[in-house]
Amino acid sequence: MSNSYAISAVTATLWHLFDTEGITVSINPPDTQAAGENSRLNIFLYQVMENLGYKNMDQPARSYGGDLFRNQYVGLDLYYLLTVYGRNDDDLSAQKTLAETVRVLHDNPILTKDLIEQAIVDAKIRAQMSDINKSDLADQIEIVKVVMHALSLEDLTKIWTSFFKTGSYRTSISCKATVVLLDGKEDARTTMPVRKRNIYAAVPRKPEIRYVEPQMVDGSLLDSALGVKMEVHGNSLKSDEIKIDLGQDLKLEDMPSPESSTDEKLVVKLPATLAIGVRQIKVIHPMLLGTPKTLHKGYESNASLFAVVPKILDLQPASIHVGAKLTIKFKPEITKDQEVRAIIGTYKPLPVEWTSSTTDRTDTVQVEITPDITKGEHPVRLRVDGAESQPDKDVDNEYKRKMVTIT
């Protein structure tokens, strides 16, 4: 970046550049120039505009607490009018000076660090701008480039008629110096230095799940001795580190890992704490980063859905009349924030009641038999967060479900 002398330093560097090429230079408004014995070039800064590229790059510089953590700066484009004057007001010598000016601009499209440093110690320049040596333009991170800037005859006419009221038009061209950076006065709070750097290379292989088996998981078996194992089928599933996200809001390091893995299949033992309901599963390939190495979330697969369903263990009483309450015992337990409905036969789902209000978890609920349910024997289902109890192969009836008789 550069300080408030940056614009002056650009003008001084252009002056020094043309002067070293044998061209006499002045830096006054063009309409104040009088005829002289020597041909010369006048450099006049007629417009300063904000550089659009650096304007779009500007980011918030202050924290929520108001502390400056990033230096403010502004990028500028400088537009110069270069006017030539002939010896004793001779147009032919003015045109020769114009040709020399264009050649110098073409040969020196960049204001180099060396050229800027030479300009700020030039005796002629120091005589007119004594404090130009305070400029740090030579050290700014962006190189200043100088290019010809096309002006139409209409543009030139507007400049001369608007800016210069007393002098007649002289042959002129325009150039643009870009980009000049100005620092803000307030220094940002410095961060702690980096003590150690780590470089990592990773091959991008995003895992993809095609399907899972089983899609209906018997929740009553999750805490059994063997538990429930799920197969995840897909592509690019294998990695050095694999974690399975089951939507339990666990930290990355606490998520389960598969028991076996290939690129096409993972075998995962589902945790006993998995709640009843429609669940989603994702495969994560975390990365070991930092010192000491810790797990960071890496590539993540698409989500695949499965259901953990309840199993009805018992109904009491087996025979019940309208208006009475049927007790349903099931497994695994549910929590109070879960949506639970009982379905008797083909009738609409009924809300349930907890048998105890003093606990946060339960495996027993009650449902009141409504008058719209006809007398007879009906199968009973339990629906928890969209996951419905499934037929039980050990139950000996055509429905493979626990039955209740309405009397």
Protein backbone atom coordinates (compact mmCIF):
# COMPACT_ATOMS: atom_id res chain seq x y z
CA MET A 1 0.00 0.00 0.00
CA SER A 2 1.02 3.67 -0.23
CA ASN A 3 0.64 6.82 1.81
CA SER A 4 -0.85 10.19 0.87
CA TYR A 5 2.17 11.10 -1.32
CA ALA A 6 1.36 8.31 -3.79
CA ILE A 7 -0.42 10.48 -6.39
CA SER A 8 2.37 13.05 -6.33
CA ALA A 9 4.91 10.25 -6.68
CA VAL A 10 3.22 8.95 -9.85
CA THR A 11 3.28 12.47 -11.39
CA ALA A 12 6.93 12.88 -10.33
CA THR A 13 7.88 9.52 -11.84
CA LEU A 14 6.28 10.44 -15.19
CA TRP A 15 8.15 13.75 -15.05
CA HIS A 16 11.43 11.98 -14.35
CA LEU A 17 10.79 9.39 -17.08
CA PHE A 18 10.26 11.98 -19.83
CA ASP A 19 13.04 14.22 -18.52
CA THR A 20 15.61 11.42 -18.73
CA GLU A 21 14.53 10.90 -22.38
CA GLY A 22 15.48 14.50 -23.16
CA ILE A 23 11.97 15.94 -23.14
CA THR A 24 11.46 19.18 -21.24
CA VAL A 25 8.57 18.77 -18.78
CA SER A 26 6.19 21.09 -16.97
CA ILE A 27 3.28 20.21 -14.66
CA ASN A 28 1.05 23.30 -14.82
CA PRO A 29 -2.51 23.67 -16.16
CA PRO A 30 -2.23 23.73 -19.99
CA ASP A 31 -3.90 27.14 -20.39
CA THR A 32 -1.16 28.82 -18.28
CA GLN A 33 1.62 27.82 -20.65
CA ALA A 34 3.24 30.48 -22.80
CA ALA A 35 5.34 30.06 -25.91
CA GLY A 36 8.97 29.24 -25.18
CA GLU A 37 12.30 28.82 -26.90
CA ASN A 38 12.22 25.02 -26.41
CA SER A 39 9.59 22.42 -27.22
CA ARG A 40 8.15 20.77 -24.11
CA LEU A 41 5.60 18.39 -22.66
CA ASN A 42 3.08 19.42 -20.01
CA ILE A 43 1.72 16.75 -17.61
CA PHE A 44 -1.66 17.61 -16.10
CA LEU A 45 -3.67 15.32 -13.80
CA TYR A 46 -7.25 16.02 -14.88
CA GLN A 47 -9.22 13.10 -13.33
CA VAL A 48 -8.96 10.62 -10.45
CA MET A 49 -11.34 7.63 -10.30
CA GLU A 50 -11.77 4.68 -7.98
CA ASN A 51 -10.44 1.45 -9.46
CA LEU A 52 -13.41 -0.87 -9.94
CA GLY A 53 -11.39 -4.07 -9.48
CA TYR A 54 -10.12 -3.06 -6.05
CA LYS A 55 -13.51 -1.66 -5.10
CA ASN A 56 -15.07 -5.10 -5.59
CA MET A 57 -12.28 -6.73 -3.56
CA ASP A 58 -12.90 -4.61 -0.49
CA GLN A 59 -14.02 -6.75 2.48
CA PRO A 60 -15.38 -5.85 5.93
CA ALA A 61 -12.52 -4.52 7.98
CA ARG A 62 -13.96 -4.41 11.48
CA SER A 63 -15.10 -7.08 13.90
CA TYR A 64 -18.49 -7.06 15.64
CA GLY A 65 -16.75 -5.39 18.55
CA GLY A 66 -15.55 -2.54 16.33
CA ASP A 67 -11.87 -3.56 16.29
CA LEU A 68 -10.03 -3.01 13.01
CA PHE A 69 -8.61 -6.37 11.92
CA ARG A 70 -7.90 -5.51 8.29
CA ASN A 71 -6.33 -2.31 6.96
CA GLN A 72 -8.65 -0.17 4.86
CA TYR A 73 -7.35 0.93 1.47
CA VAL A 74 -8.62 2.40 -1.76
CA GLY A 75 -7.39 1.79 -5.31
CA LEU A 76 -7.21 4.73 -7.72
CA ASP A 77 -6.84 5.23 -11.48
CA LEU A 78 -5.10 8.49 -12.47
CA TYR A 79 -5.90 10.15 -15.80
CA TYR A 80 -3.30 12.56 -17.23
CA LEU A 81 -3.58 15.02 -20.08
CA LEU A 82 -0.25 15.22 -21.94
CA THR A 83 -0.03 18.46 -23.95
CA VAL A 84 2.88 19.28 -26.29
CA TYR A 85 4.24 22.75 -27.11
CA GLY A 86 6.57 23.49 -30.01
CA ARG A 87 9.73 25.61 -30.00
CA ASN A 88 8.64 29.25 -30.36
CA ASP A 89 5.07 27.94 -30.78
CA ASP A 90 5.98 25.89 -33.85
CA ASP A 91 3.51 23.06 -34.54
CA LEU A 92 6.04 20.84 -36.34
CA SER A 93 8.38 20.70 -33.35
CA ALA A 94 5.31 20.09 -31.12
CA GLN A 95 4.40 17.10 -33.25
CA LYS A 96 7.97 15.76 -32.92
CA THR A 97 7.66 16.07 -29.14
CA LEU A 98 4.32 14.25 -29.34
CA ALA A 99 5.92 11.35 -31.22
CA GLU A 100 8.71 11.14 -28.61
CA THR A 101 6.09 11.15 -25.83
CA VAL A 102 4.14 8.25 -27.39
CA ARG A 103 7.37 6.27 -27.88
CA VAL A 104 8.41 6.73 -24.25
CA LEU A 105 4.98 5.61 -23.02
CA HIS A 106 5.07 2.55 -25.27
CA ASP A 107 8.60 1.59 -24.13
CA ASN A 108 7.82 2.08 -20.42
CA PRO A 109 4.40 0.57 -19.65
CA ILE A 110 5.34 -0.05 -15.99
CA LEU A 111 6.60 2.38 -13.36
CA THR A 112 9.21 0.10 -11.84
CA LYS A 113 10.47 0.28 -8.27
CA ASP A 114 13.87 1.56 -9.46
CA LEU A 115 12.28 4.27 -11.62
CA ILE A 116 10.08 5.51 -8.75
CA GLU A 117 13.04 5.58 -6.35
CA GLN A 118 15.12 7.56 -8.88
CA ALA A 119 12.28 10.04 -9.36
CA ILE A 120 11.82 10.90 -5.67
CA VAL A 121 15.51 11.83 -5.34
CA ASP A 122 15.65 13.77 -8.64
CA ALA A 123 16.98 17.28 -7.86
CA LYS A 124 14.60 19.03 -10.28
CA ILE A 125 11.61 17.31 -8.70
CA ARG A 126 12.82 17.86 -5.14
CA ALA A 127 13.14 21.58 -5.90
CA GLN A 128 9.41 21.73 -6.62
CA MET A 129 8.19 18.97 -4.24
CA SER A 130 10.61 18.94 -1.33
CA ASP A 131 8.81 16.21 0.68
CA ILE A 132 8.31 13.80 -2.23
CA ASN A 133 10.88 11.50 -0.63
CA LYS A 134 8.26 10.60 2.01
CA SER A 135 6.35 8.58 -0.57
CA ASP A 136 6.40 4.79 -0.29
CA LEU A 137 4.84 4.19 -3.72
CA ALA A 138 7.85 2.05 -4.69
CA ASP A 139 6.90 -0.47 -1.99
CA GLN A 140 3.19 -0.89 -2.75
CA ILE A 141 2.09 -4.44 -3.54
CA GLU A 142 0.56 -3.49 -6.89
CA ILE A 143 2.78 -2.38 -9.80
CA VAL A 144 1.67 0.90 -11.38
CA LYS A 145 0.97 0.46 -15.11
CA VAL A 146 0.73 3.31 -17.62
CA VAL A 147 -1.37 2.91 -20.76
CA MET A 148 -2.63 5.21 -23.47
CA HIS A 149 -6.19 6.33 -22.81
CA ALA A 150 -8.22 7.04 -25.95
CA LEU A 151 -10.05 10.35 -25.99
CA SER A 152 -12.40 11.27 -28.83
CA LEU A 153 -12.35 14.71 -30.36
CA GLU A 154 -15.56 15.43 -28.47
CA ASP A 155 -13.95 14.41 -25.17
CA LEU A 156 -10.93 16.61 -25.83
CA THR A 157 -13.17 19.52 -26.78
CA LYS A 158 -15.15 19.16 -23.53
CA ILE A 159 -11.93 19.07 -21.46
CA TRP A 160 -10.46 22.18 -23.05
CA THR A 161 -13.68 24.19 -23.08
CA SER A 162 -14.64 23.21 -19.51
CA PHE A 163 -11.27 23.31 -17.73
CA PHE A 164 -9.23 25.89 -19.64
CA LYS A 165 -10.95 29.20 -20.31
CA THR A 166 -8.04 31.41 -21.36
CA GLY A 167 -5.76 29.30 -23.55
CA SER A 168 -6.36 27.94 -27.04
CA TYR A 169 -6.32 24.20 -27.76
CA ARG A 170 -2.97 22.46 -28.01
CA THR A 171 -2.29 18.98 -29.35
CA SER A 172 -2.93 16.58 -26.45
CA ILE A 173 -3.19 12.90 -25.65
CA SER A 174 -4.28 11.10 -22.48
CA CYS A 175 -2.79 8.26 -20.44
CA LYS A 176 -3.99 6.29 -17.44
CA ALA A 177 -1.85 5.20 -14.48
CA THR A 178 -3.34 2.21 -12.64
CA VAL A 179 -3.55 1.19 -9.89
CA VAL A 180 -2.43 3.45 -7.02
CA LEU A 181 -3.28 2.17 -3.52
CA LEU A 182 -3.85 4.44 -0.54
CA ASP A 183 -3.74 3.11 3.03
CA GLY A 184 -6.12 4.06 5.79
CA LYS A 185 -4.55 5.94 8.71
CA GLU A 186 -5.59 3.47 11.41
CA ASP A 187 -3.47 0.34 11.71
CA ALA A 188 -5.21 -2.99 12.06
CA ARG A 189 -4.62 -5.11 15.14
CA THR A 190 -1.88 -7.58 14.27
CA THR A 191 -2.53 -11.30 14.63
CA MET A 192 -0.27 -13.83 16.27
CA PRO A 193 2.55 -15.08 14.04
CA VAL A 194 2.33 -18.55 12.51
CA ARG A 195 4.73 -20.83 14.39
CA LYS A 196 4.33 -23.92 12.26
CA ARG A 197 2.83 -24.56 8.85
CA ASN A 198 1.27 -27.79 7.61
CA ILE A 199 0.65 -28.57 3.97
CA TYR A 200 -1.83 -31.26 2.94
CA ALA A 201 -2.69 -32.77 -0.42
CA ALA A 202 -6.06 -34.46 -0.89
CA VAL A 203 -7.58 -36.26 -3.86
CA PRO A 204 -11.22 -35.13 -4.20
CA ARG A 205 -13.35 -38.31 -4.05
CA LYS A 206 -16.86 -37.51 -2.91
CA PRO A 207 -18.64 -40.64 -1.58
CA GLU A 208 -22.03 -41.52 -3.04
CA ILE A 209 -24.79 -43.64 -1.44
CA ARG A 210 -27.08 -45.57 -3.80
CA TYR A 211 -29.12 -47.50 -1.23
CA VAL A 212 -28.98 -49.03 2.28
CA GLU A 213 -30.07 -52.43 3.62
CA PRO A 214 -32.26 -52.91 5.60
CA GLN A 215 -34.46 -49.86 5.05
CA MET A 216 -36.72 -50.91 7.95
CA VAL A 217 -34.76 -51.43 11.15
CA ASP A 218 -36.37 -53.23 14.11
CA GLY A 219 -35.69 -50.82 16.96
CA SER A 220 -36.19 -53.57 19.57
CA LEU A 221 -32.98 -55.24 18.38
CA LEU A 222 -30.69 -52.21 18.62
CA ASP A 223 -29.64 -52.94 22.21
CA SER A 224 -29.49 -56.73 21.77
CA ALA A 225 -26.24 -58.69 22.01
CA LEU A 226 -25.79 -58.79 18.22
CA GLY A 227 -27.32 -55.39 17.53
CA VAL A 228 -28.35 -54.37 14.00
CA LYS A 229 -25.89 -54.07 11.13
CA MET A 230 -26.63 -51.96 8.09
CA GLU A 231 -25.04 -52.25 4.66
CA VAL A 232 -24.40 -49.01 2.80
CA HIS A 233 -24.03 -49.52 -0.96
CA GLY A 234 -22.58 -46.88 -3.27
CA ASN A 235 -19.46 -45.55 -4.96
CA SER A 236 -16.15 -44.18 -3.62
CA LEU A 237 -17.11 -45.13 -0.06
CA LYS A 238 -13.67 -46.26 1.15
CA SER A 239 -11.21 -43.80 2.67
CA ASP A 240 -8.44 -43.66 5.31
CA GLU A 241 -10.95 -42.15 7.74
CA ILE A 242 -14.69 -42.87 7.56
CA LYS A 243 -17.46 -41.59 9.83
CA ILE A 244 -21.17 -42.32 9.62
CA ASP A 245 -23.57 -39.43 10.29
CA LEU A 246 -26.94 -40.74 11.50
CA GLY A 247 -28.37 -37.30 12.33
CA GLN A 248 -27.78 -37.64 16.08
CA ASP A 249 -26.04 -34.24 16.48
CA LEU A 250 -22.78 -35.90 17.53
CA LYS A 251 -19.29 -34.47 17.27
CA LEU A 252 -17.31 -35.81 14.34
CA GLU A 253 -15.02 -37.91 16.56
CA ASP A 254 -18.04 -39.47 18.33
CA MET A 255 -19.76 -40.64 15.16
CA PRO A 256 -19.56 -44.41 14.51
CA SER A 257 -17.11 -45.89 12.00
CA PRO A 258 -17.92 -48.85 9.74
CA GLU A 259 -16.83 -52.35 10.77
CA SER A 260 -15.68 -53.08 7.22
CA SER A 261 -15.33 -51.00 4.07
CA THR A 262 -14.80 -51.26 0.33
CA ASP A 263 -15.39 -48.70 -2.38
CA GLU A 264 -18.82 -50.22 -3.04
CA LYS A 265 -20.03 -51.26 0.44
CA LEU A 266 -19.77 -50.30 4.11
CA VAL A 267 -21.00 -52.41 7.03
CA VAL A 268 -22.13 -50.29 9.98
CA LYS A 269 -23.36 -51.39 13.40
CA LEU A 270 -26.17 -49.04 14.37
CA PRO A 271 -25.88 -47.54 17.87
CA ALA A 272 -28.36 -48.63 20.55
CA THR A 273 -29.18 -44.95 21.18
CA LEU A 274 -30.71 -44.46 17.73
CA ALA A 275 -34.24 -43.09 18.21
CA ILE A 276 -37.38 -44.44 16.54
CA GLY A 277 -38.41 -42.54 13.41
CA VAL A 278 -37.44 -41.82 9.83
CA ARG A 279 -33.69 -41.30 9.87
CA GLN A 280 -31.04 -40.27 7.36
CA ILE A 281 -27.53 -41.59 6.90
CA LYS A 282 -24.48 -39.89 5.35
CA VAL A 283 -20.92 -41.07 4.77
CA ILE A 284 -18.22 -38.57 5.75
CA HIS A 285 -14.54 -38.76 4.79
CA PRO A 286 -12.90 -36.59 7.47
CA MET A 287 -9.33 -35.28 7.22
CA LEU A 288 -6.64 -35.37 9.91
CA LEU A 289 -5.27 -31.84 10.07
CA GLY A 290 -3.29 -29.65 12.45
CA THR A 291 -0.73 -30.15 15.19
CA PRO A 292 -1.62 -32.37 16.94
CA LYS A 293 -3.75 -33.95 14.23
CA THR A 294 -7.48 -33.72 14.76
CA LEU A 295 -10.46 -34.72 12.66
CA HIS A 296 -11.93 -32.06 10.36
CA LYS A 297 -15.03 -32.52 8.25
CA GLY A 298 -14.07 -33.42 4.69
CA TYR A 299 -16.08 -34.77 1.79
CA GLU A 300 -19.69 -35.72 2.54
CA SER A 301 -22.03 -38.03 0.66
CA ASN A 302 -25.65 -37.53 -0.26
CA ALA A 303 -28.25 -38.51 2.35
CA SER A 304 -30.17 -41.80 2.22
CA LEU A 305 -33.31 -42.47 4.29
CA PHE A 306 -34.25 -45.45 6.45
CA ALA A 307 -36.69 -46.03 9.31
CA VAL A 308 -36.18 -47.29 12.86
CA VAL A 309 -39.55 -48.86 13.68
CA PRO A 310 -41.07 -49.77 17.07
CA LYS A 311 -42.12 -53.32 17.96
CA ILE A 312 -45.35 -53.88 19.92
CA LEU A 313 -44.72 -56.40 22.72
CA ASP A 314 -48.11 -56.58 24.44
CA LEU A 315 -51.65 -55.18 24.50
CA GLN A 316 -53.70 -54.96 27.71
CA PRO A 317 -56.49 -55.85 27.95
CA ALA A 318 -56.86 -58.13 24.95
CA SER A 319 -60.63 -57.52 24.99
CA ILE A 320 -61.91 -53.97 25.61
CA HIS A 321 -65.06 -51.88 25.24
CA VAL A 322 -65.55 -48.44 23.67
CA GLY A 323 -64.39 -45.59 25.92
CA ALA A 324 -61.87 -47.70 27.80
CA LYS A 325 -58.13 -47.24 27.46
CA LEU A 326 -55.88 -49.78 25.76
CA THR A 327 -52.34 -50.07 27.13
CA ILE A 328 -49.63 -50.64 24.50
CA LYS A 329 -46.22 -51.88 25.56
CA PHE A 330 -43.45 -51.62 22.96
CA LYS A 331 -39.72 -51.34 22.41
CA PRO A 332 -37.52 -49.27 22.25
CA GLU A 333 -38.44 -46.33 24.47
CA ILE A 334 -39.64 -42.99 23.15
CA THR A 335 -39.22 -39.41 24.42
CA LYS A 336 -41.85 -36.73 25.00
CA ASP A 337 -40.79 -34.66 22.00
CA GLN A 338 -41.69 -37.46 19.58
CA GLU A 339 -45.02 -37.62 17.75
CA VAL A 340 -46.81 -40.91 18.56
CA ARG A 341 -50.06 -42.29 17.15
CA ALA A 342 -51.88 -45.63 17.59
CA ILE A 343 -53.75 -47.13 14.64
CA ILE A 344 -56.52 -49.67 15.34
CA GLY A 345 -57.59 -51.59 12.26
CA THR A 346 -58.13 -49.25 9.32
CA TYR A 347 -59.41 -46.34 11.40
CA LYS A 348 -57.77 -42.93 11.69
CA PRO A 349 -54.65 -42.65 13.87
CA LEU A 350 -55.40 -41.82 17.51
CA PRO A 351 -53.28 -39.71 19.88
CA VAL A 352 -51.79 -41.57 22.84
CA GLU A 353 -51.26 -40.76 26.52
CA TRP A 354 -48.26 -41.54 28.67
CA THR A 355 -48.88 -43.89 31.55
CA SER A 356 -46.59 -41.79 33.75
CA SER A 357 -45.92 -38.03 33.73
CA THR A 358 -42.80 -38.19 35.89
CA THR A 359 -40.37 -39.63 33.37
CA ASP A 360 -38.81 -38.30 30.16
CA ARG A 361 -38.77 -41.70 28.46
CA THR A 362 -41.31 -44.51 28.30
CA ASP A 363 -42.03 -47.85 26.64
CA THR A 364 -45.76 -47.85 27.49
CA VAL A 365 -48.62 -45.64 26.26
CA GLN A 366 -52.41 -45.71 26.41
CA VAL A 367 -55.02 -44.99 23.75
CA GLU A 368 -58.78 -44.47 24.26
CA ILE A 369 -61.07 -46.61 22.10
CA THR A 370 -63.33 -44.20 20.19
CA PRO A 371 -67.00 -44.90 19.29
CA ASP A 372 -66.32 -45.01 15.53
CA ILE A 373 -64.35 -48.26 15.91
CA THR A 374 -66.69 -51.20 15.25
CA LYS A 375 -66.92 -54.27 17.41
CA GLY A 376 -64.69 -57.16 16.48
CA GLU A 377 -61.04 -58.10 16.31
CA HIS A 378 -58.60 -55.48 14.93
CA PRO A 379 -54.81 -55.40 14.36
CA VAL A 380 -52.94 -52.64 16.22
CA ARG A 381 -50.10 -50.51 14.84
CA LEU A 382 -47.91 -47.85 16.46
CA ARG A 383 -46.50 -44.90 14.51
CA VAL A 384 -43.61 -42.85 15.95
CA ASP A 385 -42.22 -39.86 14.01
CA GLY A 386 -43.46 -41.35 10.75
CA ALA A 387 -42.02 -44.85 11.37
CA GLU A 388 -44.70 -47.52 11.75
CA SER A 389 -44.46 -50.89 13.49
CA GLN A 390 -44.12 -53.76 11.02
CA PRO A 391 -45.67 -57.27 10.81
CA ASP A 392 -44.12 -59.72 13.28
CA LYS A 393 -43.35 -63.16 11.87
CA ASP A 394 -43.71 -64.68 15.39
CA VAL A 395 -47.38 -63.61 15.67
CA ASP A 396 -49.79 -66.35 14.57
CA ASN A 397 -52.57 -64.62 12.62
CA GLU A 398 -53.20 -63.44 9.10
CA TYR A 399 -52.08 -59.88 9.88
CA LYS A 400 -48.88 -60.90 11.74
CA ARG A 401 -49.73 -58.21 14.29
CA LYS A 402 -50.95 -57.96 17.87
CA MET A 403 -54.78 -57.95 17.96
CA VAL A 404 -57.39 -56.33 20.18
CA THR A 405 -61.06 -57.29 20.45
CA ILE A 406 -63.60 -54.46 20.75
CA THR A 407 -66.73 -55.54 22.60
